[in-house]
Amino acid sequence: MGGVMYLDERIHRRIVDKKIRLDEHRPLNQAFLERIRKELMIEYTYDSNAIEGSTLSLHETRMVIEEGVTIGEKPLKDVLSAKNHPEAIDCLVELVQLGTPLTEKVVLTLHTLVMKDIKDDAGSYRDHGVRVAGATFQPAKSSEVPRLVKELVDLADRNMEELSPLELAAVFHHRFVQIHPFSEGNGRTARLIMSLMLMQRGYPFIINITNRDRGKYIRGLREADHGNRAYFVNFIARSAERVLDIYLNAIEEPDILSLKEASELTPYSQEYLSLLARRGRIGAFKEGRNWYISMRELNRYMEETGSKGTPEPQ
């Protein structure tokens, strides 16, 4: 993976280690892959749409996808968004399997699939100016959009800054949203492209940004607007790490500890471990409202710090 420019070295080392461990288990059992991909696809569909304001719950999203039902009291737009995402995600998998590179055509195809039956201009660049609520930037003029998207795709292909895959995907995502090439569906398309870029570089199926982390996600984009790419890059990296954890926990079945249990095995309090988890200093993962850590990751952190219990610099 090489060096990193914006990514925290500790997070980077953890992710490299986890990716190597996952690669050692390949080829993965096909039944296992189908099961975990189905669950991640439903979760991803719910989260990506919820970030954009969809009113469907995770359970309702599952019903739309698995049973094809229409939730009567919910906006049709929200139901269609849930129906559209699985087809777009299937497209990602096919693109990766075929070795298809990221191109402008791929960008437009993904937008078409996401916004099918929702927007008449699905798969077409906007032909008018837009303002983004709460944004600190002005999106590109509509006349400049085709050129800017082509340049962005080309820059991603050439990677002139020689960024690591996670850094490149995050920087692409931010710049894509700044250009704001479509009248609607920019965030959903950007997140799909980001996952595609990482899957093309050997990361597992699909990198999800959870709705509960929406505030951090928006903050990261705004920080990047002001030139601080590190916050957003590290946020995206931890989202990718969470997916690696899901795969590895299912395959390796490690000993999983709550942070309370972990605190009883370390010189650290539960509160301090929670702080480290929120800041990405330890390889913990969140399920619902609670943080957990594997014994392996706890031992890694203890080895890195010498297990002396001395608080890290804040």
Protein backbone atom coordinates (compact mmCIF):
# COMPACT_ATOMS: atom_id res chain seq x y z
CA MET A 1 0.00 0.00 0.00
CA GLY A 2 2.98 2.32 0.28
CA GLY A 3 3.22 5.48 2.36
CA VAL A 4 0.42 7.78 3.39
CA MET A 5 -0.04 11.55 3.18
CA TYR A 6 -3.25 12.21 5.12
CA LEU A 7 -3.99 8.89 6.80
CA ASP A 8 -3.04 8.34 10.45
CA GLU A 9 -0.18 5.81 10.52
CA ARG A 10 -1.71 3.77 13.33
CA ILE A 11 -5.03 3.40 11.50
CA HIS A 12 -3.14 2.61 8.30
CA ARG A 13 -1.10 -0.16 9.96
CA ARG A 14 -4.23 -1.74 11.41
CA ILE A 15 -6.01 -1.70 8.07
CA VAL A 16 -3.01 -3.13 6.20
CA ASP A 17 -2.80 -5.95 8.75
CA LYS A 18 -6.52 -6.70 8.53
CA LYS A 19 -6.52 -6.64 4.75
CA ILE A 20 -3.58 -9.06 4.66
CA ARG A 21 -5.37 -11.36 7.09
CA LEU A 22 -8.52 -11.30 4.96
CA ASP A 23 -6.50 -12.00 1.81
CA GLU A 24 -4.97 -15.05 3.51
CA HIS A 25 -8.48 -16.53 3.77
CA ARG A 26 -9.15 -16.18 0.05
CA PRO A 27 -10.81 -17.66 -1.87
CA LEU A 28 -13.75 -17.10 0.44
CA ASN A 29 -16.60 -19.59 0.59
CA GLN A 30 -19.26 -18.57 -1.94
CA ALA A 31 -22.19 -19.17 0.41
CA PHE A 32 -20.45 -17.05 3.06
CA LEU A 33 -19.85 -14.27 0.53
CA GLU A 34 -23.46 -14.24 -0.62
CA ARG A 35 -24.76 -14.10 2.96
CA ILE A 36 -22.49 -11.30 4.13
CA ARG A 37 -22.94 -9.31 0.92
CA LYS A 38 -26.72 -9.49 1.24
CA GLU A 39 -26.62 -8.12 4.78
CA LEU A 40 -24.13 -5.40 3.88
CA MET A 41 -26.16 -4.45 0.80
CA ILE A 42 -29.30 -3.92 2.88
CA GLU A 43 -27.40 -1.99 5.53
CA TYR A 44 -25.64 0.12 2.90
CA THR A 45 -28.91 0.90 1.11
CA TYR A 46 -30.55 2.02 4.34
CA ASP A 47 -27.60 4.14 5.49
CA SER A 48 -26.82 5.82 2.17
CA ASN A 49 -30.45 6.84 1.69
CA ALA A 50 -30.96 7.83 5.34
CA ILE A 51 -27.98 10.18 5.08
CA GLU A 52 -29.89 11.95 2.30
CA GLY A 53 -33.08 12.18 4.34
CA SER A 54 -34.96 8.99 3.49
CA THR A 55 -37.67 8.19 6.05
CA LEU A 56 -37.46 4.40 5.66
CA SER A 57 -36.20 2.43 8.65
CA LEU A 58 -33.71 -0.41 8.30
CA HIS A 59 -36.57 -2.91 8.67
CA GLU A 60 -38.66 -1.15 6.02
CA THR A 61 -35.66 -1.04 3.70
CA ARG A 62 -35.24 -4.78 4.13
CA MET A 63 -38.94 -5.35 3.32
CA VAL A 64 -38.69 -3.26 0.13
CA ILE A 65 -35.59 -5.14 -1.03
CA GLU A 66 -36.46 -8.69 0.00
CA GLU A 67 -40.23 -8.68 -0.48
CA GLY A 68 -40.69 -5.91 -3.05
CA VAL A 69 -43.36 -4.25 -0.94
CA THR A 70 -44.30 -0.58 -1.08
CA ILE A 71 -44.50 1.10 2.30
CA GLY A 72 -47.80 2.94 1.87
CA GLU A 73 -47.31 5.75 4.36
CA LYS A 74 -43.80 6.56 3.15
CA PRO A 75 -42.88 8.81 0.19
CA LEU A 76 -42.64 6.90 -3.10
CA LYS A 77 -39.26 8.54 -3.69
CA ASP A 78 -37.86 6.86 -0.58
CA VAL A 79 -39.20 3.47 -1.62
CA LEU A 80 -37.75 3.83 -5.12
CA SER A 81 -34.37 4.81 -3.65
CA ALA A 82 -34.37 1.57 -1.66
CA LYS A 83 -35.33 -0.46 -4.74
CA ASN A 84 -32.68 1.16 -6.92
CA HIS A 85 -29.61 0.68 -4.75
CA PRO A 86 -29.29 -3.13 -4.98
CA GLU A 87 -29.10 -2.93 -8.78
CA ALA A 88 -26.43 -0.23 -8.54
CA ILE A 89 -24.49 -2.34 -6.03
CA ASP A 90 -24.75 -5.40 -8.29
CA CYS A 91 -23.28 -3.19 -11.02
CA LEU A 92 -20.29 -2.44 -8.78
CA VAL A 93 -19.61 -6.14 -8.26
CA GLU A 94 -19.83 -6.81 -12.00
CA LEU A 95 -17.49 -3.91 -12.81
CA VAL A 96 -14.93 -5.26 -10.35
CA GLN A 97 -15.24 -8.82 -11.66
CA LEU A 98 -14.76 -7.62 -15.25
CA GLY A 99 -11.84 -5.38 -14.31
CA THR A 100 -13.63 -2.36 -15.77
CA PRO A 101 -11.77 0.87 -14.93
CA LEU A 102 -13.48 3.96 -13.54
CA THR A 103 -14.59 6.11 -16.46
CA GLU A 104 -17.04 8.93 -17.06
CA LYS A 105 -19.44 6.33 -18.53
CA VAL A 106 -19.28 4.35 -15.26
CA VAL A 107 -20.09 7.51 -13.29
CA LEU A 108 -23.15 8.21 -15.44
CA THR A 109 -24.27 4.57 -15.33
CA LEU A 110 -24.20 4.49 -11.52
CA HIS A 111 -26.18 7.72 -11.32
CA THR A 112 -28.72 6.31 -13.76
CA LEU A 113 -29.24 3.25 -11.60
CA VAL A 114 -29.49 5.19 -8.34
CA MET A 115 -31.95 7.79 -9.62
CA LYS A 116 -34.00 5.60 -11.98
CA ASP A 117 -37.70 6.57 -11.91
CA ILE A 118 -36.90 9.30 -9.39
CA LYS A 119 -35.37 12.00 -11.61
CA ASP A 120 -36.05 12.56 -15.30
CA ASP A 121 -32.42 13.57 -15.77
CA ALA A 122 -30.99 10.37 -14.24
CA GLY A 123 -27.63 9.69 -15.89
CA SER A 124 -27.28 13.25 -17.20
CA TYR A 125 -25.29 16.16 -15.86
CA ARG A 126 -27.26 19.09 -14.51
CA ASP A 127 -27.90 21.98 -16.90
CA HIS A 128 -28.43 24.65 -14.25
CA GLY A 129 -26.75 26.13 -11.21
CA VAL A 130 -27.30 24.70 -7.73
CA ARG A 131 -26.76 25.72 -4.14
CA VAL A 132 -25.96 23.16 -1.44
CA ALA A 133 -27.64 23.86 1.89
CA GLY A 134 -25.09 24.54 4.60
CA ALA A 135 -22.14 24.20 2.22
CA THR A 136 -19.11 26.47 2.44
CA PHE A 137 -18.33 26.14 -1.27
CA GLN A 138 -20.01 27.06 -4.54
CA PRO A 139 -20.55 24.07 -6.87
CA ALA A 140 -19.13 24.29 -10.36
CA LYS A 141 -21.04 26.02 -13.13
CA SER A 142 -23.11 23.56 -15.13
CA SER A 143 -21.12 24.37 -18.29
CA GLU A 144 -17.92 23.24 -16.53
CA VAL A 145 -19.25 19.97 -15.10
CA PRO A 146 -18.40 17.57 -18.00
CA ARG A 147 -14.80 18.80 -18.18
CA LEU A 148 -14.31 18.71 -14.41
CA VAL A 149 -15.67 15.18 -14.06
CA LYS A 150 -13.44 13.96 -16.90
CA GLU A 151 -10.43 15.63 -15.28
CA LEU A 152 -11.27 14.12 -11.89
CA VAL A 153 -11.61 10.61 -13.31
CA ASP A 154 -8.31 11.08 -15.15
CA LEU A 155 -6.56 12.34 -12.02
CA ALA A 156 -7.86 9.35 -10.06
CA ASP A 157 -6.51 7.01 -12.74
CA ARG A 158 -3.08 8.65 -12.80
CA ASN A 159 -2.98 9.39 -9.03
CA MET A 160 -0.44 12.18 -9.47
CA GLU A 161 -0.13 12.68 -5.71
CA GLU A 162 0.54 8.93 -5.29
CA LEU A 163 -2.05 8.62 -2.57
CA SER A 164 -2.85 5.31 -0.90
CA PRO A 165 -6.11 3.68 -2.08
CA LEU A 166 -8.05 4.93 0.95
CA GLU A 167 -6.72 8.46 0.56
CA LEU A 168 -7.40 8.50 -3.18
CA ALA A 169 -10.99 7.25 -2.75
CA ALA A 170 -11.72 9.80 -0.01
CA VAL A 171 -10.19 12.71 -1.94
CA PHE A 172 -12.13 11.69 -5.05
CA HIS A 173 -15.37 11.55 -3.05
CA HIS A 174 -14.85 15.04 -1.63
CA ARG A 175 -13.93 16.60 -4.96
CA PHE A 176 -16.86 14.89 -6.70
CA VAL A 177 -19.33 16.33 -4.20
CA GLN A 178 -17.77 19.77 -4.61
CA ILE A 179 -18.29 19.61 -8.37
CA HIS A 180 -21.87 18.46 -7.70
CA PRO A 181 -22.38 17.19 -11.25
CA PHE A 182 -26.02 16.13 -10.91
CA SER A 183 -29.22 17.89 -9.94
CA GLU A 184 -29.74 15.22 -7.25
CA GLY A 185 -28.06 12.02 -6.13
CA ASN A 186 -24.50 13.36 -5.89
CA GLY A 187 -23.76 11.96 -2.43
CA ARG A 188 -25.20 8.54 -3.19
CA THR A 189 -23.24 8.35 -6.45
CA ALA A 190 -20.04 9.56 -4.78
CA ARG A 191 -20.29 6.88 -2.09
CA LEU A 192 -20.84 4.16 -4.69
CA ILE A 193 -17.84 5.33 -6.71
CA MET A 194 -15.71 5.42 -3.57
CA SER A 195 -16.62 1.80 -2.82
CA LEU A 196 -15.92 0.84 -6.43
CA MET A 197 -12.45 2.41 -6.27
CA LEU A 198 -11.61 0.49 -3.09
CA MET A 199 -13.10 -2.80 -4.28
CA GLN A 200 -11.04 -2.48 -7.47
CA ARG A 201 -7.97 -2.28 -5.22
CA GLY A 202 -8.75 -5.41 -3.25
CA TYR A 203 -10.94 -4.10 -0.45
CA PRO A 204 -14.01 -6.17 0.46
CA PHE A 205 -17.58 -5.53 -0.63
CA ILE A 206 -18.92 -2.42 0.05
CA ILE A 207 -17.58 0.45 2.19
CA ASN A 208 -20.47 1.79 4.21
CA ILE A 209 -20.86 5.14 5.97
CA THR A 210 -23.48 4.64 8.65
CA ASN A 211 -26.30 7.09 9.20
CA ARG A 212 -25.38 7.32 12.89
CA ASP A 213 -22.05 8.80 11.73
CA ARG A 214 -23.74 11.34 9.47
CA GLY A 215 -22.56 14.25 11.62
CA LYS A 216 -18.93 13.14 11.42
CA TYR A 217 -19.32 12.56 7.68
CA ILE A 218 -20.66 16.07 7.06
CA ARG A 219 -18.00 17.55 9.32
CA GLY A 220 -15.32 15.69 7.36
CA LEU A 221 -16.54 17.07 4.05
CA ARG A 222 -16.60 20.60 5.49
CA GLU A 223 -13.12 20.21 6.94
CA ALA A 224 -11.92 19.12 3.49
CA ASP A 225 -13.62 22.18 1.97
CA HIS A 226 -11.25 24.26 4.08
CA GLY A 227 -8.19 22.25 3.05
CA ASN A 228 -8.04 19.78 5.95
CA ARG A 229 -8.27 16.47 4.13
CA ALA A 230 -6.91 14.40 7.03
CA TYR A 231 -10.13 14.36 9.07
CA PHE A 232 -12.24 13.11 6.15
CA VAL A 233 -9.62 10.61 4.98
CA ASN A 234 -9.34 9.09 8.44
CA PHE A 235 -13.12 8.98 8.80
CA ILE A 236 -13.40 7.07 5.52
CA ALA A 237 -10.55 4.76 6.56
CA ARG A 238 -12.35 3.84 9.77
CA SER A 239 -15.52 3.13 7.77
CA ALA A 240 -13.47 0.77 5.60
CA GLU A 241 -11.91 -0.81 8.69
CA ARG A 242 -15.39 -1.54 10.04
CA VAL A 243 -16.17 -3.64 6.94
CA LEU A 244 -12.87 -5.50 7.30
CA ASP A 245 -13.85 -6.20 10.92
CA ILE A 246 -17.22 -7.59 9.83
CA TYR A 247 -15.55 -10.05 7.46
CA LEU A 248 -12.77 -11.07 9.84
CA ASN A 249 -15.07 -11.46 12.83
CA ALA A 250 -17.30 -13.75 10.78
CA ILE A 251 -14.37 -15.81 9.47
CA GLU A 252 -12.02 -15.96 12.45
CA GLU A 253 -14.63 -15.85 15.24
CA PRO A 254 -12.29 -14.01 17.64
CA ASP A 255 -12.87 -13.35 21.31
CA ILE A 256 -14.88 -10.12 21.37
CA LEU A 257 -14.89 -7.92 24.47
CA SER A 258 -17.02 -5.00 25.52
CA LEU A 259 -14.92 -2.00 26.55
CA LYS A 260 -15.95 -2.67 30.16
CA GLU A 261 -14.51 -6.18 29.89
CA ALA A 262 -11.42 -4.80 28.13
CA SER A 263 -10.87 -2.27 30.91
CA GLU A 264 -10.66 -5.12 33.43
CA LEU A 265 -7.73 -6.60 31.47
CA THR A 266 -5.81 -3.34 31.04
CA PRO A 267 -4.61 -0.39 33.11
CA TYR A 268 -7.17 1.77 31.28
CA SER A 269 -10.66 2.77 32.35
CA GLN A 270 -13.72 2.04 30.22
CA GLU A 271 -14.13 5.78 29.64
CA TYR A 272 -10.57 6.14 28.39
CA LEU A 273 -10.90 3.15 26.07
CA SER A 274 -14.11 4.69 24.74
CA LEU A 275 -12.22 7.91 24.02
CA LEU A 276 -9.51 5.97 22.18
CA ALA A 277 -12.17 4.13 20.18
CA ARG A 278 -13.92 7.34 19.13
CA ARG A 279 -10.61 8.80 18.00
CA GLY A 280 -9.54 5.71 16.09
CA ARG A 281 -6.55 5.05 18.35
CA ILE A 282 -7.59 1.43 18.98
CA GLY A 283 -9.07 -1.09 16.58
CA ALA A 284 -12.50 -1.13 18.21
CA PHE A 285 -15.76 -1.32 16.29
CA LYS A 286 -19.25 -0.10 17.06
CA GLU A 287 -22.42 -2.17 17.07
CA GLY A 288 -25.52 -0.14 17.84
CA ARG A 289 -24.58 2.27 20.61
CA ASN A 290 -21.76 0.17 22.08
CA TRP A 291 -18.07 -0.26 21.29
CA TYR A 292 -16.36 -3.65 21.19
CA ILE A 293 -12.80 -4.82 20.61
CA SER A 294 -11.24 -8.18 19.78
CA MET A 295 -8.64 -9.66 22.09
CA ARG A 296 -6.19 -9.46 19.20
CA GLU A 297 -6.68 -5.71 18.76
CA LEU A 298 -6.51 -5.14 22.50
CA ASN A 299 -3.20 -6.99 22.67
CA ARG A 300 -1.93 -4.99 19.70
CA TYR A 301 -2.65 -1.73 21.50
CA MET A 302 -1.08 -2.99 24.73
CA GLU A 303 2.08 -3.93 22.85
CA GLU A 304 2.23 -0.56 21.09
CA THR A 305 1.93 1.37 24.35
CA GLY A 306 3.99 -0.98 26.48
CA SER A 307 0.83 -1.61 28.57
CA LYS A 308 1.89 0.98 31.12
CA GLY A 309 -1.46 2.67 31.29
CA THR A 310 0.00 6.10 30.57
CA PRO A 311 -2.52 8.34 28.80
CA GLU A 312 -1.64 9.24 25.23
CA PRO A 313 -1.13 12.89 24.25
CA GLN A 314 -4.54 14.45 23.53
